[in-house]
Amino acid sequence: MKKVLGLLLLTAIAGGQSLFAQDEEGGGLKITGQIESGIRLRAGNEYSKPVRDGDLDEKDKFFIDAFNDDAGKAFRSDVQVDYTTPNAGVSIRLRADDDNFKVGGIPQSYGYSLLGHAYGWFSFINNIVEVSGGMLDNAKWGTFTGDIFDTNLDNANGVKLEIRPIEGLSLGVNTFSINPDYLKCEFVDAFAGTVVGAKFTNEAFGIAASFIFNAKEAKAQDNGNNVVAKARAKDVLKVDGDFGTLFSLYYYGISNLKLDLDGRFARDSDSELNSFGIGLQGNYSISEPLFAGIRAKFETAPAKEDNPAILEIRPQAGYTVNEWLALRLEVPVTLAGAKGLEDADLGIGVKPKATFTISPNASVAFWYVLNTMTPKDGDTGVDHTIQLDLIWKF
């Protein structure tokens, strides 16, 4: 199997494009992928916090490492294999990165170290009903922007049912959390972490929401892993509770103006801890190549006795010079308090960025970030980051 996948990958790379085996209905086999890598240079004082603890023990220390900002790792490579027919399909993604070649906490020795997702789906009743199952990666009811908060709760291993009764409307449920120890292949607390979702969209307006129930009842397994639903609730909603929701809406009914709102809320009835976040983003297209906008985000997330709060206001602008070059500028202003905003530290940053599109399959992004942090009691700290991202698709 490994030899076959390796041969397919080499063929795709040599051809420099996706592989297709089309049928008359437009389905068939499609193989795509991408490789992401980059370089990061960083220098600062005691307020600089590197990815690896201990790298900046001294003031004004400088370091350089391999890092890709989008992947959040030194490198990441994917091979995506899809086979579709008019009413069914299979999707498999193989992924390798610098995290010991494992995904979702699955040890490499299990033989699943490169498996990012693997699921099948089929639809019926004129595509009104769709059922999918397996290691899912086909979110249906996530937030629209994808950059204010995490995009979804329903990419959890199990079975998903989606119903599309009218154009633009999607309803459904994701349930049956599966033990991530795939050698056992057993269902565990099947309905713990069930996600219910709904979404309605058209050209001018969209609204979506997803709800997760009883995530805390998804028990940890003997191998130390939690089922996927519990892990996603904790990562996305920032609380290990029994109820949570992601909600989102957009309004594009005004010419050249786009308004997006994303939010999240979680509740743990046992500990009486709540987690809340809301973000609003507006972008206005001044002309076809130029836009300006602003994003505001407020979050709280309980942590034992403290109740951290973060407010971020981020003016942003962008200019597309031509098909090869796009420029962008962001100026984030952040207030972060350990027990609320009344004792908050002030952070101000400047981030100019340039993205070079070398070809339809290759791009390079380069940016510089200046961050300053002024604590309520203390001296201002400054750090500098230079980031180069390399992305190649086939």
Protein backbone atom coordinates (compact mmCIF):
# COMPACT_ATOMS: atom_id res chain seq x y z
CA MET A 1 0.00 0.00 0.00
CA LYS A 2 2.81 2.39 0.91
CA LYS A 3 4.54 1.70 -2.40
CA VAL A 4 1.33 2.46 -4.32
CA LEU A 5 0.76 5.75 -2.47
CA GLY A 6 4.38 6.70 -2.96
CA LEU A 7 4.11 6.07 -6.69
CA LEU A 8 0.95 8.19 -6.91
CA LEU A 9 2.66 11.03 -5.07
CA LEU A 10 5.73 10.96 -7.31
CA THR A 11 3.53 10.92 -10.39
CA ALA A 12 1.58 13.95 -9.13
CA ILE A 13 4.76 15.86 -8.37
CA ALA A 14 6.28 15.06 -11.75
CA GLY A 15 3.14 16.21 -13.52
CA GLY A 16 2.87 19.37 -11.41
CA GLN A 17 -0.91 19.12 -11.29
CA SER A 18 -3.81 17.10 -9.92
CA LEU A 19 -4.52 13.63 -11.25
CA PHE A 20 -8.02 13.02 -12.60
CA ALA A 21 -9.85 9.97 -13.86
CA GLN A 22 -13.18 11.52 -14.80
CA ASP A 23 -16.38 9.71 -15.55
CA GLU A 24 -19.24 11.08 -17.64
CA GLU A 25 -20.96 12.55 -14.57
CA GLY A 26 -17.92 14.60 -13.56
CA GLY A 27 -16.78 12.33 -10.71
CA GLY A 28 -13.88 9.93 -10.54
CA LEU A 29 -10.45 9.92 -8.94
CA LYS A 30 -8.67 13.10 -7.88
CA ILE A 31 -5.30 13.30 -6.14
CA THR A 32 -4.04 16.61 -4.79
CA GLY A 33 -1.72 17.76 -2.05
CA GLN A 34 0.51 20.47 -0.69
CA ILE A 35 3.76 21.04 1.15
CA GLU A 36 4.12 23.87 3.68
CA SER A 37 7.33 25.04 5.27
CA GLY A 38 9.06 28.28 6.22
CA ILE A 39 11.57 30.14 8.35
CA ARG A 40 11.04 32.30 11.42
CA LEU A 41 13.45 34.78 12.99
CA ARG A 42 12.61 36.27 16.36
CA ALA A 43 14.24 38.57 18.90
CA GLY A 44 12.90 40.27 22.01
CA ASN A 45 13.04 40.62 25.79
CA GLU A 46 11.34 38.92 28.70
CA TYR A 47 7.88 39.52 27.21
CA SER A 48 8.68 37.39 24.15
CA LYS A 49 7.35 33.87 24.40
CA PRO A 50 8.71 31.30 21.96
CA VAL A 51 6.95 28.12 20.88
CA ARG A 52 9.48 26.05 22.79
CA ASP A 53 9.82 26.91 26.48
CA GLY A 54 13.26 28.01 27.55
CA ASP A 55 14.43 29.49 24.26
CA LEU A 56 14.28 33.05 25.59
CA ASP A 57 15.57 32.90 29.14
CA GLU A 58 17.68 36.01 28.62
CA LYS A 59 16.73 39.49 27.47
CA ASP A 60 17.14 40.40 23.82
CA LYS A 61 17.83 36.82 22.79
CA PHE A 62 17.66 35.96 19.09
CA PHE A 63 16.74 32.67 17.48
CA ILE A 64 15.90 31.26 14.05
CA ASP A 65 14.02 28.05 13.32
CA ALA A 66 12.04 26.23 10.68
CA PHE A 67 8.39 27.19 11.04
CA ASN A 68 5.25 27.60 8.90
CA ASP A 69 2.72 30.02 10.38
CA ASP A 70 -0.39 28.44 8.87
CA ALA A 71 0.55 24.90 9.85
CA GLY A 72 1.97 25.99 13.19
CA LYS A 73 4.83 23.54 12.65
CA ALA A 74 8.25 23.33 11.03
CA PHE A 75 6.67 21.61 8.02
CA ARG A 76 3.51 19.86 6.92
CA SER A 77 2.81 17.80 3.82
CA ASP A 78 -0.52 16.40 2.66
CA VAL A 79 -1.66 13.98 -0.01
CA GLN A 80 -5.41 14.08 -0.61
CA VAL A 81 -7.19 11.23 -2.43
CA ASP A 82 -10.86 11.63 -3.39
CA TYR A 83 -13.09 9.34 -5.40
CA THR A 84 -16.61 10.56 -6.16
CA THR A 85 -19.69 9.45 -8.04
CA PRO A 86 -22.91 11.48 -8.40
CA ASN A 87 -24.29 10.16 -5.10
CA ALA A 88 -21.35 8.83 -3.09
CA GLY A 89 -17.68 9.27 -2.43
CA VAL A 90 -14.61 8.46 -0.36
CA SER A 91 -12.01 10.94 0.94
CA ILE A 92 -8.61 10.06 2.45
CA ARG A 93 -5.83 12.42 3.51
CA LEU A 94 -2.32 11.34 4.41
CA ARG A 95 -0.42 13.88 6.47
CA ALA A 96 3.15 14.14 7.72
CA ASP A 97 4.53 16.90 9.93
CA ASP A 98 7.17 17.49 12.56
CA ASP A 99 4.97 16.34 15.44
CA ASN A 100 6.52 12.85 15.60
CA PHE A 101 4.45 11.84 12.58
CA LYS A 102 1.26 11.36 14.49
CA VAL A 103 -2.26 12.78 14.17
CA GLY A 104 -4.90 13.08 16.85
CA GLY A 105 -2.69 11.50 19.50
CA ILE A 106 -2.44 8.19 17.64
CA PRO A 107 0.97 6.64 18.31
CA GLN A 108 3.10 5.95 15.27
CA SER A 109 3.44 2.31 16.22
CA TYR A 110 -0.25 1.78 15.50
CA GLY A 111 0.33 2.25 11.79
CA TYR A 112 -2.07 5.21 11.49
CA SER A 113 0.56 7.89 11.91
CA LEU A 114 -0.02 9.46 8.47
CA LEU A 115 -3.81 9.21 8.41
CA GLY A 116 -5.35 12.68 8.65
CA HIS A 117 -8.90 11.71 7.77
CA ALA A 118 -10.68 8.82 6.07
CA TYR A 119 -14.42 8.84 5.53
CA GLY A 120 -17.14 7.91 3.08
CA TRP A 121 -20.44 9.55 2.24
CA PHE A 122 -23.56 8.92 0.21
CA SER A 123 -26.65 11.01 -0.55
CA PHE A 124 -30.19 10.06 -1.58
CA ILE A 125 -33.67 11.52 -2.13
CA ASN A 126 -32.34 13.89 -4.82
CA ASN A 127 -29.38 14.89 -2.62
CA ILE A 128 -31.67 16.10 0.16
CA VAL A 129 -30.18 13.66 2.68
CA GLU A 130 -26.47 12.92 3.11
CA VAL A 131 -24.86 10.40 5.47
CA SER A 132 -21.11 10.33 6.13
CA GLY A 133 -19.02 8.30 8.51
CA GLY A 134 -15.47 7.54 9.60
CA MET A 135 -12.64 9.90 10.54
CA LEU A 136 -14.55 12.97 9.41
CA ASP A 137 -13.25 16.20 7.91
CA ASN A 138 -16.36 17.58 6.22
CA ALA A 139 -17.62 20.36 8.49
CA LYS A 140 -21.18 21.49 7.74
CA TRP A 141 -22.15 24.02 10.41
CA GLY A 142 -19.03 25.93 11.35
CA THR A 143 -18.37 29.64 11.56
CA PHE A 144 -18.15 31.51 8.26
CA THR A 145 -14.92 33.48 8.59
CA GLY A 146 -12.67 30.75 9.92
CA ASP A 147 -10.19 33.31 11.30
CA ILE A 148 -11.92 34.83 14.35
CA PHE A 149 -12.59 31.54 16.14
CA ASP A 150 -12.13 27.88 15.32
CA THR A 151 -14.30 26.96 12.38
CA ASN A 152 -16.38 23.99 13.58
CA LEU A 153 -17.30 21.42 16.19
CA ASP A 154 -18.64 18.68 13.92
CA ASN A 155 -15.39 17.31 12.48
CA ALA A 156 -15.49 14.47 15.01
CA ASN A 157 -14.97 10.80 14.23
CA GLY A 158 -18.30 9.04 13.92
CA VAL A 159 -21.48 9.31 11.84
CA LYS A 160 -22.97 12.53 10.48
CA LEU A 161 -26.48 13.06 9.08
CA GLU A 162 -27.21 16.19 7.03
CA ILE A 163 -30.60 17.20 5.62
CA ARG A 164 -31.00 19.94 2.99
CA PRO A 165 -34.79 20.39 2.63
CA ILE A 166 -34.58 23.65 0.64
CA GLU A 167 -31.84 25.54 -1.14
CA GLY A 168 -29.46 27.19 1.31
CA LEU A 169 -30.72 25.35 4.42
CA SER A 170 -28.71 22.61 6.14
CA LEU A 171 -29.72 20.71 9.30
CA GLY A 172 -28.14 17.74 10.96
CA VAL A 173 -26.37 15.86 13.70
CA ASN A 174 -22.92 14.36 14.30
CA THR A 175 -22.86 11.58 16.88
CA PHE A 176 -21.31 8.24 17.87
CA SER A 177 -17.94 9.26 19.26
CA ILE A 178 -15.44 6.54 18.43
CA ASN A 179 -12.59 5.35 20.61
CA PRO A 180 -9.38 6.69 19.00
CA ASP A 181 -7.66 3.36 19.77
CA TYR A 182 -8.48 2.00 16.32
CA LEU A 183 -7.11 -1.45 17.13
CA LYS A 184 -10.17 -1.95 19.34
CA CYS A 185 -12.63 -0.34 16.90
CA GLU A 186 -15.29 0.07 19.59
CA PHE A 187 -17.91 2.71 20.36
CA VAL A 188 -17.49 4.48 23.70
CA ASP A 189 -20.20 6.65 25.28
CA ALA A 190 -21.74 6.86 21.85
CA PHE A 191 -23.94 9.92 22.42
CA ALA A 192 -21.53 11.90 24.58
CA GLY A 193 -20.27 14.87 22.60
CA THR A 194 -23.16 14.83 20.11
CA VAL A 195 -23.14 17.89 17.85
CA VAL A 196 -26.36 19.36 16.41
CA GLY A 197 -26.05 21.99 13.69
CA ALA A 198 -28.06 24.29 11.43
CA LYS A 199 -27.16 26.77 8.71
CA PHE A 200 -28.93 28.98 6.20
CA THR A 201 -27.13 30.99 3.53
CA ASN A 202 -27.79 33.06 0.43
CA GLU A 203 -25.83 35.79 -1.37
CA ALA A 204 -26.76 38.55 1.08
CA PHE A 205 -27.25 36.83 4.42
CA GLY A 206 -26.14 33.75 6.35
CA ILE A 207 -26.62 32.36 9.84
CA ALA A 208 -25.21 29.20 11.41
CA ALA A 209 -24.98 27.53 14.81
CA SER A 210 -23.71 24.26 16.21
CA PHE A 211 -24.23 22.83 19.69
CA ILE A 212 -22.27 20.14 21.52
CA PHE A 213 -23.80 18.20 24.42
CA ASN A 214 -22.27 16.17 27.26
CA ALA A 215 -18.71 16.50 26.00
CA LYS A 216 -17.35 15.97 29.51
CA GLU A 217 -18.95 12.49 29.59
CA ALA A 218 -16.66 11.37 26.77
CA LYS A 219 -14.26 9.34 28.88
CA ALA A 220 -10.51 9.07 28.57
CA GLN A 221 -9.31 5.71 27.30
CA ASP A 222 -6.63 3.38 28.65
CA ASN A 223 -4.10 4.76 26.16
CA GLY A 224 -4.53 8.25 27.63
CA ASN A 225 -6.48 9.73 24.70
CA ASN A 226 -9.86 11.42 24.92
CA VAL A 227 -12.50 10.85 22.32
CA VAL A 228 -12.52 13.48 19.63
CA ALA A 229 -15.69 15.26 20.74
CA LYS A 230 -14.28 16.05 24.17
CA ALA A 231 -10.99 17.26 22.75
CA ARG A 232 -12.69 19.57 20.24
CA ALA A 233 -14.98 21.05 22.90
CA LYS A 234 -12.01 21.83 25.12
CA ASP A 235 -9.86 23.29 22.33
CA VAL A 236 -12.55 25.33 20.58
CA LEU A 237 -14.83 26.39 23.42
CA LYS A 238 -12.06 26.75 26.04
CA VAL A 239 -13.91 24.86 28.77
CA ASP A 240 -14.25 21.17 29.66
CA GLY A 241 -18.01 21.39 30.06
CA ASP A 242 -21.32 19.75 29.31
CA PHE A 243 -22.71 22.25 26.77
CA GLY A 244 -21.25 24.59 24.20
CA THR A 245 -22.12 26.42 21.01
CA LEU A 246 -20.48 28.12 18.07
CA PHE A 247 -22.60 30.70 16.24
CA SER A 248 -21.99 32.86 13.21
CA LEU A 249 -23.68 35.19 10.76
CA TYR A 250 -22.78 37.45 7.85
CA TYR A 251 -24.46 40.26 5.96
CA TYR A 252 -23.28 41.17 2.45
CA GLY A 253 -26.37 43.10 1.35
CA ILE A 254 -24.57 46.46 1.10
CA SER A 255 -22.45 47.00 -1.99
CA ASN A 256 -18.69 46.56 -1.33
CA LEU A 257 -19.26 45.95 2.41
CA LYS A 258 -18.90 42.61 4.20
CA LEU A 259 -19.94 42.20 7.85
CA ASP A 260 -19.19 39.00 9.80
CA LEU A 261 -19.95 38.02 13.37
CA ASP A 262 -18.63 34.87 15.06
CA GLY A 263 -19.09 33.74 18.64
CA ARG A 264 -18.77 30.89 21.09
CA PHE A 265 -20.16 29.96 24.50
CA ALA A 266 -19.58 27.00 26.81
CA ARG A 267 -20.98 25.97 30.18
CA ASP A 268 -19.80 23.50 32.81
CA SER A 269 -22.64 23.02 35.30
CA ASP A 270 -20.48 21.15 37.83
CA SER A 271 -17.82 23.81 38.24
CA GLU A 272 -20.12 26.71 37.24
CA LEU A 273 -17.49 27.99 34.81
CA ASN A 274 -18.48 29.79 31.62
CA SER A 275 -16.43 30.57 28.53
CA PHE A 276 -17.50 33.26 26.09
CA GLY A 277 -16.16 34.93 22.99
CA ILE A 278 -17.54 37.21 20.31
CA GLY A 279 -15.93 38.80 17.28
CA LEU A 280 -17.11 41.30 14.67
CA GLN A 281 -15.33 41.99 11.41
CA GLY A 282 -16.12 44.53 8.72
CA ASN A 283 -14.30 44.91 5.39
CA TYR A 284 -15.05 47.59 2.79
CA SER A 285 -13.81 47.35 -0.79
CA ILE A 286 -12.75 50.90 -1.64
CA SER A 287 -11.92 49.85 -5.18
CA GLU A 288 -11.39 46.48 -6.83
CA PRO A 289 -7.78 46.06 -5.62
CA LEU A 290 -8.04 47.97 -2.30
CA PHE A 291 -9.91 47.14 0.90
CA ALA A 292 -9.92 48.44 4.46
CA GLY A 293 -11.52 47.01 7.55
CA ILE A 294 -11.47 46.37 11.26
CA ARG A 295 -11.92 43.38 13.53
CA ALA A 296 -12.86 43.44 17.21
CA LYS A 297 -12.77 40.34 19.40
CA PHE A 298 -13.55 39.84 23.09
CA GLU A 299 -12.94 36.56 24.93
CA THR A 300 -13.15 35.15 28.44
CA ALA A 301 -11.98 31.71 29.50
CA PRO A 302 -12.03 30.54 33.13
CA ALA A 303 -8.84 29.07 34.59
CA LYS A 304 -9.30 27.86 38.16
CA GLU A 305 -9.58 30.96 40.36
CA ASP A 306 -8.78 33.51 37.65
CA ASN A 307 -11.07 34.68 34.86
CA PRO A 308 -8.86 35.87 31.98
CA ALA A 309 -10.30 38.40 29.56
CA ILE A 310 -8.85 39.54 26.24
CA LEU A 311 -10.02 42.41 24.03
CA GLU A 312 -8.44 42.80 20.60
CA ILE A 313 -9.08 45.57 18.07
CA ARG A 314 -7.37 45.02 14.72
CA PRO A 315 -7.52 47.63 11.93
CA GLN A 316 -6.50 46.06 8.62
CA ALA A 317 -6.05 47.01 4.98
CA GLY A 318 -5.00 45.25 1.82
CA TYR A 319 -4.01 46.10 -1.74
CA THR A 320 -3.72 43.67 -4.65
CA VAL A 321 -0.99 45.11 -6.87
CA ASN A 322 -1.41 42.51 -9.62
CA GLU A 323 -1.97 38.79 -10.01
CA TRP A 324 1.49 38.12 -8.57
CA LEU A 325 1.62 40.44 -5.56
CA ALA A 326 -0.77 41.27 -2.71
CA LEU A 327 0.03 43.60 0.21
CA ARG A 328 -1.61 43.68 3.64
CA LEU A 329 -1.23 45.67 6.87
CA GLU A 330 -2.64 44.90 10.33
CA VAL A 331 -2.30 46.91 13.56
CA PRO A 332 -3.59 44.79 16.46
CA VAL A 333 -4.24 46.47 19.81
CA THR A 334 -4.76 44.04 22.69
CA LEU A 335 -5.87 44.35 26.32
CA ALA A 336 -5.22 41.16 28.32
CA GLY A 337 -6.12 40.89 32.00
CA ALA A 338 -5.65 38.02 34.45
CA LYS A 339 -8.85 38.89 36.34
CA GLY A 340 -10.61 41.16 33.90
CA LEU A 341 -9.75 44.20 31.81
CA GLU A 342 -9.45 46.55 34.78
CA ASP A 343 -5.89 45.28 35.40
CA ALA A 344 -5.08 44.57 31.77
CA ASP A 345 -1.72 44.69 30.05
CA LEU A 346 -1.62 46.69 26.81
CA GLY A 347 -0.18 45.22 23.64
CA ILE A 348 0.27 47.04 20.32
CA GLY A 349 1.56 45.44 17.15
CA VAL A 350 2.29 46.29 13.53
CA LYS A 351 2.24 43.59 10.85
CA PRO A 352 3.00 44.44 7.20
CA LYS A 353 2.76 41.43 4.87
CA ALA A 354 3.47 40.65 1.20
CA THR A 355 2.25 37.54 -0.60
CA PHE A 356 3.93 36.53 -3.86
CA THR A 357 2.06 34.15 -6.16
CA ILE A 358 4.83 32.48 -8.13
CA SER A 359 2.50 30.16 -10.05
CA PRO A 360 -1.04 28.78 -9.61
CA ASN A 361 0.49 26.08 -7.41
CA ALA A 362 3.20 27.96 -5.51
CA SER A 363 3.23 31.01 -3.24
CA VAL A 364 5.57 32.75 -0.81
CA ALA A 365 4.38 34.99 2.04
CA PHE A 366 6.74 37.34 3.86
CA TRP A 367 5.93 39.55 6.82
CA TYR A 368 7.39 41.40 9.77
CA VAL A 369 5.71 41.77 13.16
CA LEU A 370 6.56 44.36 15.80
CA ASN A 371 4.89 43.67 19.16
CA THR A 372 5.02 45.84 22.25
CA MET A 373 3.61 44.83 25.64
CA THR A 374 3.10 47.34 28.46
CA PRO A 375 2.04 45.70 31.73
CA LYS A 376 -0.04 47.62 34.23
CA ASP A 377 2.96 47.69 36.54
CA GLY A 378 6.30 47.41 34.76
CA ASP A 379 8.39 48.38 31.77
CA THR A 380 7.38 48.05 28.14
CA GLY A 381 8.71 44.98 26.34
CA VAL A 382 9.31 44.73 22.60
CA ASP A 383 9.83 41.77 20.31
CA HIS A 384 10.35 41.39 16.57
CA THR A 385 9.38 38.51 14.28
CA ILE A 386 10.24 37.94 10.64
CA GLN A 387 8.28 35.13 8.99
CA LEU A 388 8.69 33.48 5.59
CA ASP A 389 6.05 30.92 4.55
CA LEU A 390 6.50 28.60 1.58
CA ILE A 391 3.48 26.76 0.16
CA TRP A 392 3.46 24.46 -2.86
CA LYS A 393 0.34 22.69 -4.13
CA PHE A 394 -0.04 19.95 -6.70
